[in-house]
Amino acid sequence: MYRRNLLILIAILIVSLAASIIISAEETEYEVTKLEAEDNVGRFAVGESDEASGGKYIGIDYTLDTEGFYNYAIIYENVPETTTVSFNYASPHGGEVIFYLEVEEGKQEVIGAMIYDATGGWDPFGDTLGIVEEQIYIPEGSKVTIVTTSTFNVDYFEFKFNESEKPKPTDGKQKEGVKDLNNVFLSDLEFLRATRVVLDTTYMFTDLSINGEVYSKGLCMSAGHFPGSEFVEINIEGLGFTTFASYIGVDDVTNTNYSAGMDTTVKFYVEVDGVVKYESDVMTIAEDPRLVVVDVTDAKVLKLYTSPVDDGVGTDICVWGNAALGKTSNIEEIFATPVPTESPTPNPTTESTPGKTDDKTGSGNDEETSGYIVWIIIAAIVVIAAVVIFVIVKKKK
């Protein structure tokens, strides 16, 4: 009886140990920096409360000042390296919090956004408390500006760091076969860098539409709060494309639903290898789409971006309809369904080297390796358990 109980106890301990190893392997441990909302250097409304972690909480909203710029914002300087951001809040309205990184003096880029739901009240405590968490990478020592598309109160932000969540660098090289296409839509390509760009639909998951013209392919982006802060960069080096073409304009559905009396004005830009090749006039809602054609012969990087005009960001939702690259100047062919170019006849004298493989490294190698280690440990525990059980059973006999 004693040996049987001992056997059961050992089995329980082994299962518990294996489970704890699996759980600990899956848990993400963070270095956490908690910053009180009122300790930022932006413009905001202050609320006093004994329940707030710092005795105060703040409110920000989308209100524009007399110059058409945002009136309230949270600005943190010297932010620690971050891979995940969380904050608690309260708001009777849902909205979006947008994070801008100052990449150089006077230049901002979107690095992330967090959608929050209505909590039912203004008090960021108790039953109405809401908590949002999202992976957003912020480099060490950054200056970050946080704005909202609605109105909310917040007590504090937590900037969390875990090495495993750091984004892997990418060269943005395109998939196999893209080089062989006569034309290709941008929404089907790999991006070198991109902000809040939506592919082949709008932020409301409706068809891309400019003054009634509907596009099944294309890009949708906001004009952002800062010029050039919302963009997409695409590596097109060596692909042989000579022409970029797209219809541009303000999205019908999103702006109809969210304009709320605000003006919608925006400008579109096309940049090739760091040089602006196209800048539109100011465009507004209910304006016909415009065709943009830009020469990209021998180009390396194509960048598309939009900017708000002096009436503030409002609801400047922008559409790049049928945005595509082609190896011709014929617009109809550029916007047609992509087909491969005629492949040359293979050289019969060409031989492949047996056993030779491409030297490719995937971004998930580290995670896969750590996963293998966990299962090796578990397997070792199981083997040890089997040996122990075998010895006990044999002695019992």
Protein backbone atom coordinates (compact mmCIF):
# COMPACT_ATOMS: atom_id res chain seq x y z
CA MET A 1 0.00 0.00 0.00
CA TYR A 2 2.83 2.36 0.93
CA ARG A 3 4.57 1.82 -2.40
CA ARG A 4 1.35 2.34 -4.35
CA ASN A 5 0.69 5.64 -2.58
CA LEU A 6 4.27 6.69 -3.21
CA LEU A 7 3.84 5.83 -6.89
CA ILE A 8 0.69 7.97 -7.11
CA LEU A 9 2.42 10.86 -5.34
CA ILE A 10 5.38 10.72 -7.72
CA ALA A 11 3.05 10.68 -10.73
CA ILE A 12 1.19 13.75 -9.40
CA LEU A 13 4.46 15.60 -8.82
CA ILE A 14 5.67 14.79 -12.33
CA VAL A 15 2.45 16.00 -13.96
CA SER A 16 2.52 19.19 -11.85
CA LEU A 17 6.14 19.85 -12.78
CA ALA A 18 5.47 19.34 -16.48
CA ALA A 19 2.44 21.64 -16.33
CA SER A 20 4.39 24.36 -14.53
CA ILE A 21 7.14 24.19 -17.14
CA ILE A 22 4.62 24.60 -19.97
CA ILE A 23 2.86 27.50 -18.23
CA SER A 24 6.10 29.30 -17.38
CA ALA A 25 7.30 28.88 -20.97
CA GLU A 26 4.12 30.48 -22.32
CA GLU A 27 3.97 33.36 -19.83
CA THR A 28 5.55 36.63 -20.91
CA GLU A 29 7.57 38.40 -18.25
CA TYR A 30 7.81 42.18 -18.62
CA GLU A 31 9.97 44.96 -17.30
CA VAL A 32 7.23 47.47 -16.42
CA THR A 33 7.52 51.25 -16.19
CA LYS A 34 4.40 52.91 -14.79
CA LEU A 35 3.93 56.57 -15.72
CA GLU A 36 1.21 58.64 -14.13
CA ALA A 37 -0.96 60.33 -16.74
CA GLU A 38 -0.55 63.77 -15.14
CA ASP A 39 3.26 63.56 -15.30
CA ASN A 40 3.34 64.15 -19.06
CA VAL A 41 4.16 67.51 -20.67
CA GLY A 42 1.17 67.79 -22.99
CA ARG A 43 -2.07 69.73 -22.65
CA PHE A 44 -4.87 68.11 -20.68
CA ALA A 45 -7.63 68.56 -18.12
CA VAL A 46 -6.82 67.46 -14.56
CA GLY A 47 -9.18 65.59 -12.25
CA GLU A 48 -8.57 65.05 -8.52
CA SER A 49 -9.37 61.70 -6.89
CA ASP A 50 -8.19 59.75 -3.86
CA GLU A 51 -8.73 56.57 -5.85
CA ALA A 52 -6.29 57.59 -8.58
CA SER A 53 -2.86 55.99 -8.22
CA GLY A 54 -1.18 59.39 -8.16
CA GLY A 55 -4.07 61.30 -6.63
CA LYS A 56 -5.00 62.71 -10.04
CA TYR A 57 -6.24 61.59 -13.41
CA ILE A 58 -6.40 63.51 -16.66
CA GLY A 59 -8.72 63.88 -19.61
CA ILE A 60 -7.91 64.45 -23.28
CA ASP A 61 -10.12 64.75 -26.35
CA TYR A 62 -10.07 65.51 -30.06
CA THR A 63 -10.95 69.22 -29.68
CA LEU A 64 -9.13 71.45 -32.17
CA ASP A 65 -7.65 74.80 -31.20
CA THR A 66 -8.03 78.04 -33.15
CA GLU A 67 -5.25 76.99 -35.54
CA GLY A 68 -6.96 73.72 -36.42
CA PHE A 69 -4.51 71.60 -34.42
CA TYR A 70 -5.32 69.18 -31.60
CA ASN A 71 -6.05 70.97 -28.34
CA TYR A 72 -5.30 68.13 -25.93
CA ALA A 73 -2.56 65.51 -26.01
CA ILE A 74 -0.39 63.40 -23.75
CA ILE A 75 3.32 63.84 -24.38
CA TYR A 76 5.93 61.69 -22.64
CA GLU A 77 9.63 62.37 -23.05
CA ASN A 78 12.46 59.86 -22.59
CA VAL A 79 10.15 56.84 -22.73
CA PRO A 80 11.93 53.53 -21.95
CA GLU A 81 12.20 50.83 -24.60
CA THR A 82 8.75 49.34 -24.90
CA THR A 83 7.12 46.40 -26.65
CA THR A 84 3.63 46.55 -25.07
CA VAL A 85 1.56 49.49 -23.80
CA SER A 86 -1.44 49.35 -21.48
CA PHE A 87 -3.58 51.98 -19.78
CA ASN A 88 -6.71 52.23 -17.67
CA TYR A 89 -9.43 54.64 -18.68
CA ALA A 90 -13.07 55.65 -18.53
CA SER A 91 -15.25 57.15 -21.24
CA PRO A 92 -18.91 57.07 -22.21
CA HIS A 93 -17.70 57.01 -25.83
CA GLY A 94 -15.59 54.53 -27.73
CA GLY A 95 -12.61 55.76 -29.69
CA GLU A 96 -9.01 55.24 -30.66
CA VAL A 97 -5.76 56.27 -29.00
CA ILE A 98 -2.98 56.97 -31.50
CA PHE A 99 0.73 56.94 -30.64
CA TYR A 100 3.15 59.20 -32.53
CA LEU A 101 6.92 58.89 -32.33
CA GLU A 102 9.11 61.94 -32.91
CA VAL A 103 11.66 60.52 -35.37
CA GLU A 104 13.38 63.89 -35.70
CA GLU A 105 12.57 67.42 -34.61
CA GLY A 106 9.28 68.46 -36.16
CA LYS A 107 8.62 65.06 -37.76
CA GLN A 108 6.21 62.51 -36.32
CA GLU A 109 5.34 58.96 -37.37
CA VAL A 110 2.51 56.74 -36.20
CA ILE A 111 3.85 53.73 -34.31
CA GLY A 112 0.59 52.23 -33.12
CA ALA A 113 -3.03 52.69 -32.15
CA MET A 114 -5.33 51.21 -29.51
CA ILE A 115 -9.10 51.00 -29.82
CA TYR A 116 -11.10 51.46 -26.62
CA ASP A 117 -14.78 50.78 -25.93
CA ALA A 118 -17.23 52.90 -23.96
CA THR A 119 -17.17 52.13 -20.23
CA GLY A 120 -20.44 53.88 -19.39
CA GLY A 121 -19.05 56.76 -17.35
CA TRP A 122 -16.26 59.27 -16.83
CA ASP A 123 -14.80 57.94 -13.58
CA PRO A 124 -11.76 55.71 -14.36
CA PHE A 125 -12.21 53.58 -11.25
CA GLY A 126 -14.45 50.87 -9.84
CA ASP A 127 -16.98 49.12 -12.06
CA THR A 128 -16.50 51.51 -14.98
CA LEU A 129 -12.75 50.94 -15.25
CA GLY A 130 -11.52 49.86 -18.66
CA ILE A 131 -8.06 48.45 -19.45
CA VAL A 132 -6.53 48.24 -22.91
CA GLU A 133 -3.26 46.54 -23.87
CA GLU A 134 -1.54 46.40 -27.24
CA GLN A 135 1.89 45.52 -28.63
CA ILE A 136 3.55 48.78 -29.69
CA TYR A 137 7.30 49.08 -30.08
CA ILE A 138 8.93 52.28 -28.77
CA PRO A 139 12.72 52.74 -28.95
CA GLU A 140 14.66 53.69 -25.81
CA GLY A 141 14.57 57.39 -24.89
CA SER A 142 11.77 58.32 -27.31
CA LYS A 143 9.42 61.27 -27.25
CA VAL A 144 5.87 60.01 -27.72
CA THR A 145 2.71 62.03 -28.37
CA ILE A 146 -0.63 60.37 -27.61
CA VAL A 147 -3.91 61.71 -29.01
CA THR A 148 -7.44 60.37 -29.24
CA THR A 149 -10.23 60.41 -31.80
CA SER A 150 -12.80 60.80 -29.02
CA THR A 151 -12.66 61.79 -25.34
CA PHE A 152 -11.45 59.79 -22.34
CA ASN A 153 -10.04 60.03 -18.81
CA VAL A 154 -6.94 58.05 -17.87
CA ASP A 155 -5.11 57.37 -14.60
CA TYR A 156 -1.78 55.93 -15.76
CA PHE A 157 0.09 54.20 -18.59
CA GLU A 158 2.30 51.14 -18.31
CA PHE A 159 5.17 50.79 -20.75
CA LYS A 160 6.26 47.15 -20.79
CA PHE A 161 9.30 45.50 -22.32
CA ASN A 162 10.06 41.91 -23.24
CA GLU A 163 12.97 41.01 -25.51
CA SER A 164 10.99 38.29 -27.30
CA GLU A 165 8.42 40.85 -28.50
CA LYS A 166 10.91 43.15 -30.23
CA PRO A 167 10.07 43.45 -33.94
CA LYS A 168 12.46 41.64 -36.24
CA PRO A 169 14.18 43.78 -38.90
CA THR A 170 12.99 43.21 -42.45
CA ASP A 171 14.27 44.16 -45.88
CA GLY A 172 10.73 44.06 -47.27
CA LYS A 173 11.75 41.88 -50.19
CA GLN A 174 8.85 40.60 -52.24
CA LYS A 175 7.58 37.05 -52.52
CA GLU A 176 8.87 34.65 -55.13
CA GLY A 177 7.19 35.26 -58.47
CA VAL A 178 6.42 38.99 -58.11
CA LYS A 179 9.33 39.83 -60.39
CA ASP A 180 7.71 37.75 -63.14
CA LEU A 181 4.42 39.69 -63.09
CA ASN A 182 3.49 42.31 -65.68
CA ASN A 183 1.66 44.25 -62.99
CA VAL A 184 0.78 43.90 -59.31
CA PHE A 185 -1.53 45.62 -56.82
CA LEU A 186 0.23 47.22 -53.86
CA SER A 187 -2.12 45.51 -51.41
CA ASP A 188 -0.66 42.16 -52.55
CA LEU A 189 2.96 43.15 -51.81
CA GLU A 190 5.16 42.95 -48.73
CA PHE A 191 5.65 46.30 -46.99
CA LEU A 192 9.01 47.62 -45.87
CA ARG A 193 7.29 49.88 -43.32
CA ALA A 194 3.69 50.90 -42.83
CA THR A 195 1.48 52.66 -40.30
CA ARG A 196 -2.28 52.18 -39.94
CA VAL A 197 -2.87 51.05 -43.52
CA VAL A 198 -5.91 48.90 -44.33
CA LEU A 199 -5.82 46.65 -47.40
CA ASP A 200 -8.68 46.34 -49.91
CA THR A 201 -11.26 47.74 -47.48
CA THR A 202 -11.90 50.71 -45.19
CA TYR A 203 -11.62 51.13 -41.43
CA MET A 204 -15.32 50.24 -41.33
CA PHE A 205 -14.76 47.10 -43.45
CA THR A 206 -16.72 48.55 -46.36
CA ASP A 207 -15.73 48.78 -50.02
CA LEU A 208 -13.19 51.42 -50.97
CA SER A 209 -15.24 54.18 -52.54
CA ILE A 210 -14.46 57.68 -53.87
CA ASN A 211 -17.55 59.73 -54.75
CA GLY A 212 -19.44 56.61 -55.79
CA GLU A 213 -16.56 54.91 -57.62
CA VAL A 214 -15.88 51.55 -55.95
CA TYR A 215 -12.50 49.79 -55.98
CA SER A 216 -12.00 46.13 -55.08
CA LYS A 217 -8.25 46.67 -54.60
CA GLY A 218 -6.36 49.47 -52.92
CA LEU A 219 -5.18 51.03 -49.67
CA CYS A 220 -7.00 53.04 -47.02
CA MET A 221 -5.21 55.31 -44.55
CA SER A 222 -5.88 58.31 -42.33
CA ALA A 223 -4.22 61.66 -42.95
CA GLY A 224 -3.01 61.55 -39.34
CA HIS A 225 -2.48 64.46 -36.97
CA PHE A 226 0.91 65.37 -38.45
CA PRO A 227 2.07 65.77 -42.07
CA GLY A 228 3.41 62.49 -43.44
CA SER A 229 2.81 60.56 -40.21
CA GLU A 230 0.65 57.93 -41.94
CA PHE A 231 2.43 56.13 -44.78
CA VAL A 232 3.46 52.93 -46.49
CA GLU A 233 6.92 52.12 -47.87
CA ILE A 234 7.48 49.30 -50.37
CA ASN A 235 10.74 47.79 -51.57
CA ILE A 236 10.47 47.51 -55.38
CA GLU A 237 14.18 47.24 -56.16
CA GLY A 238 15.01 44.92 -59.04
CA LEU A 239 11.39 44.02 -59.84
CA GLY A 240 11.40 45.75 -63.23
CA PHE A 241 8.28 47.88 -62.71
CA THR A 242 8.32 51.24 -64.48
CA THR A 243 4.98 52.85 -63.58
CA PHE A 244 2.95 53.44 -60.43
CA ALA A 245 -0.71 54.31 -60.90
CA SER A 246 -3.64 54.87 -58.56
CA TYR A 247 -6.91 56.71 -58.16
CA ILE A 248 -6.92 58.95 -55.10
CA GLY A 249 -9.64 60.62 -53.07
CA VAL A 250 -11.53 60.83 -49.79
CA ASP A 251 -13.42 57.73 -48.67
CA ASP A 252 -17.21 57.99 -48.99
CA VAL A 253 -18.55 55.73 -46.25
CA THR A 254 -16.15 56.43 -43.38
CA ASN A 255 -16.42 60.19 -43.75
CA THR A 256 -20.21 60.12 -44.14
CA ASN A 257 -20.47 58.26 -40.83
CA TYR A 258 -17.86 60.17 -38.84
CA SER A 259 -17.61 63.68 -40.27
CA ALA A 260 -20.01 65.13 -37.66
CA GLY A 261 -19.85 68.54 -39.27
CA MET A 262 -16.05 68.62 -39.45
CA ASP A 263 -14.32 69.59 -42.67
CA THR A 264 -12.55 66.84 -44.56
CA THR A 265 -9.50 68.07 -46.44
CA VAL A 266 -6.37 66.13 -47.30
CA LYS A 267 -3.35 65.97 -49.58
CA PHE A 268 -1.74 62.91 -51.18
CA TYR A 269 1.98 62.38 -51.83
CA VAL A 270 4.04 59.88 -53.83
CA GLU A 271 7.73 59.65 -52.99
CA VAL A 272 10.34 57.68 -54.93
CA ASP A 273 13.71 57.01 -53.30
CA GLY A 274 13.24 59.95 -50.94
CA VAL A 275 12.13 62.44 -53.61
CA VAL A 276 8.52 63.67 -53.82
CA LYS A 277 7.33 62.91 -57.35
CA TYR A 278 3.68 63.82 -56.86
CA GLU A 279 1.80 66.18 -54.53
CA SER A 280 -1.94 66.60 -54.95
CA ASP A 281 -3.98 69.72 -54.48
CA VAL A 282 -6.26 69.80 -51.44
CA MET A 283 -8.98 67.17 -51.84
CA THR A 284 -12.35 67.05 -50.07
CA ILE A 285 -15.25 64.66 -49.65
CA ALA A 286 -17.63 64.16 -52.61
CA GLU A 287 -14.85 65.09 -55.04
CA ASP A 288 -14.26 62.86 -58.07
CA PRO A 289 -11.26 60.50 -57.92
CA ARG A 290 -8.05 61.68 -59.54
CA LEU A 291 -5.68 59.47 -61.48
CA VAL A 292 -2.04 59.57 -60.37
CA VAL A 293 0.70 58.18 -62.62
CA VAL A 294 4.37 58.25 -61.53
CA ASP A 295 7.49 56.91 -63.25
CA VAL A 296 9.30 54.41 -60.97
CA THR A 297 11.89 53.10 -63.44
CA ASP A 298 14.92 51.70 -61.56
CA ALA A 299 13.40 52.83 -58.24
CA LYS A 300 14.26 51.12 -54.97
CA VAL A 301 11.63 52.36 -52.50
CA LEU A 302 8.13 53.64 -53.22
CA LYS A 303 6.45 55.63 -50.44
CA LEU A 304 2.82 56.76 -50.31
CA TYR A 305 1.59 59.11 -47.61
CA THR A 306 -1.13 61.60 -46.80
CA SER A 307 -1.32 64.77 -44.74
CA PRO A 308 -4.02 66.84 -43.05
CA VAL A 309 -4.58 70.41 -44.14
CA ASP A 310 -4.92 73.43 -41.84
CA ASP A 311 -8.44 72.57 -40.66
CA GLY A 312 -7.17 69.73 -38.47
CA VAL A 313 -7.28 65.99 -38.94
CA GLY A 314 -11.08 65.77 -38.74
CA THR A 315 -12.06 62.57 -40.50
CA ASP A 316 -9.52 62.67 -43.29
CA ILE A 317 -9.80 59.04 -44.42
CA CYS A 318 -7.95 58.55 -47.70
CA VAL A 319 -8.24 55.97 -50.47
CA TRP A 320 -5.63 54.82 -52.96
CA GLY A 321 -7.96 53.02 -55.37
CA ASN A 322 -6.48 50.23 -57.51
CA ALA A 323 -2.97 51.29 -56.43
CA ALA A 324 -0.68 49.20 -58.64
CA LEU A 325 2.70 48.86 -60.32
CA GLY A 326 3.23 47.90 -63.95
CA LYS A 327 5.89 47.31 -66.58
CA THR A 328 4.00 49.45 -69.06
CA SER A 329 2.54 52.94 -69.29
CA ASN A 330 -0.83 51.54 -70.39
CA ILE A 331 -3.19 52.28 -67.49
CA GLU A 332 -5.71 49.58 -68.40
CA GLU A 333 -2.97 46.95 -68.35
CA ILE A 334 -1.63 48.21 -65.01
CA PHE A 335 -5.08 47.91 -63.41
CA ALA A 336 -5.82 44.52 -65.02
CA THR A 337 -5.67 41.20 -63.18
CA PRO A 338 -1.94 40.48 -62.73
CA VAL A 339 -0.48 37.78 -64.99
CA PRO A 340 3.10 36.49 -65.27
CA THR A 341 5.36 37.68 -68.05
CA GLU A 342 6.31 35.11 -70.67
CA SER A 343 9.02 32.99 -69.10
CA PRO A 344 12.19 32.37 -71.15
CA THR A 345 13.00 28.81 -72.21
CA PRO A 346 15.29 27.24 -69.59
CA ASN A 347 18.90 26.73 -70.64
CA PRO A 348 19.39 22.94 -70.98
CA THR A 349 23.02 23.23 -69.91
CA THR A 350 22.10 24.78 -66.57
CA GLU A 351 22.54 22.35 -63.70
CA SER A 352 21.45 22.64 -60.14
CA THR A 353 23.90 21.83 -57.38
CA PRO A 354 22.76 18.72 -55.48
CA GLY A 355 22.09 19.35 -51.83
CA LYS A 356 22.34 23.13 -52.16
CA THR A 357 19.63 25.10 -50.40
CA ASP A 358 18.89 28.79 -49.94
CA ASP A 359 20.28 30.31 -46.77
CA LYS A 360 17.07 31.58 -45.24
CA THR A 361 16.43 32.53 -41.66
CA GLY A 362 12.93 32.94 -40.31
CA SER A 363 11.91 35.43 -37.66
CA GLY A 364 10.41 32.62 -35.62
CA ASN A 365 13.62 30.57 -35.21
CA ASP A 366 14.23 31.70 -31.64
CA GLU A 367 10.67 30.87 -30.63
CA GLU A 368 10.86 27.46 -32.33
CA THR A 369 14.15 26.66 -30.58
CA SER A 370 12.77 27.59 -27.17
CA GLY A 371 9.70 25.46 -27.91
CA TYR A 372 11.90 22.46 -28.72
CA ILE A 373 13.80 22.91 -25.45
CA VAL A 374 10.57 22.89 -23.45
CA TRP A 375 9.41 19.64 -25.04
CA ILE A 376 12.85 18.05 -24.60
CA ILE A 377 12.66 18.84 -20.88
CA ILE A 378 9.15 17.41 -20.67
CA ALA A 379 10.26 14.27 -22.52
CA ALA A 380 13.18 13.88 -20.11
CA ILE A 381 10.81 14.17 -17.14
CA VAL A 382 8.53 11.54 -18.62
CA VAL A 383 11.47 9.17 -19.18
CA ILE A 384 12.70 9.67 -15.62
CA ALA A 385 9.18 9.09 -14.34
CA ALA A 386 8.92 5.87 -16.32
CA VAL A 387 12.23 4.63 -14.88
CA VAL A 388 11.16 5.48 -11.32
CA ILE A 389 7.82 3.74 -11.77
CA PHE A 390 9.51 0.70 -13.30
CA VAL A 391 11.93 0.43 -10.37
CA ILE A 392 9.15 0.76 -7.80
CA VAL A 393 6.95 -1.81 -9.51
CA LYS A 394 9.86 -4.24 -9.85
CA LYS A 395 10.72 -3.92 -6.16
CA LYS A 396 7.09 -4.48 -5.28
CA LYS A 397 7.18 -7.79 -7.14
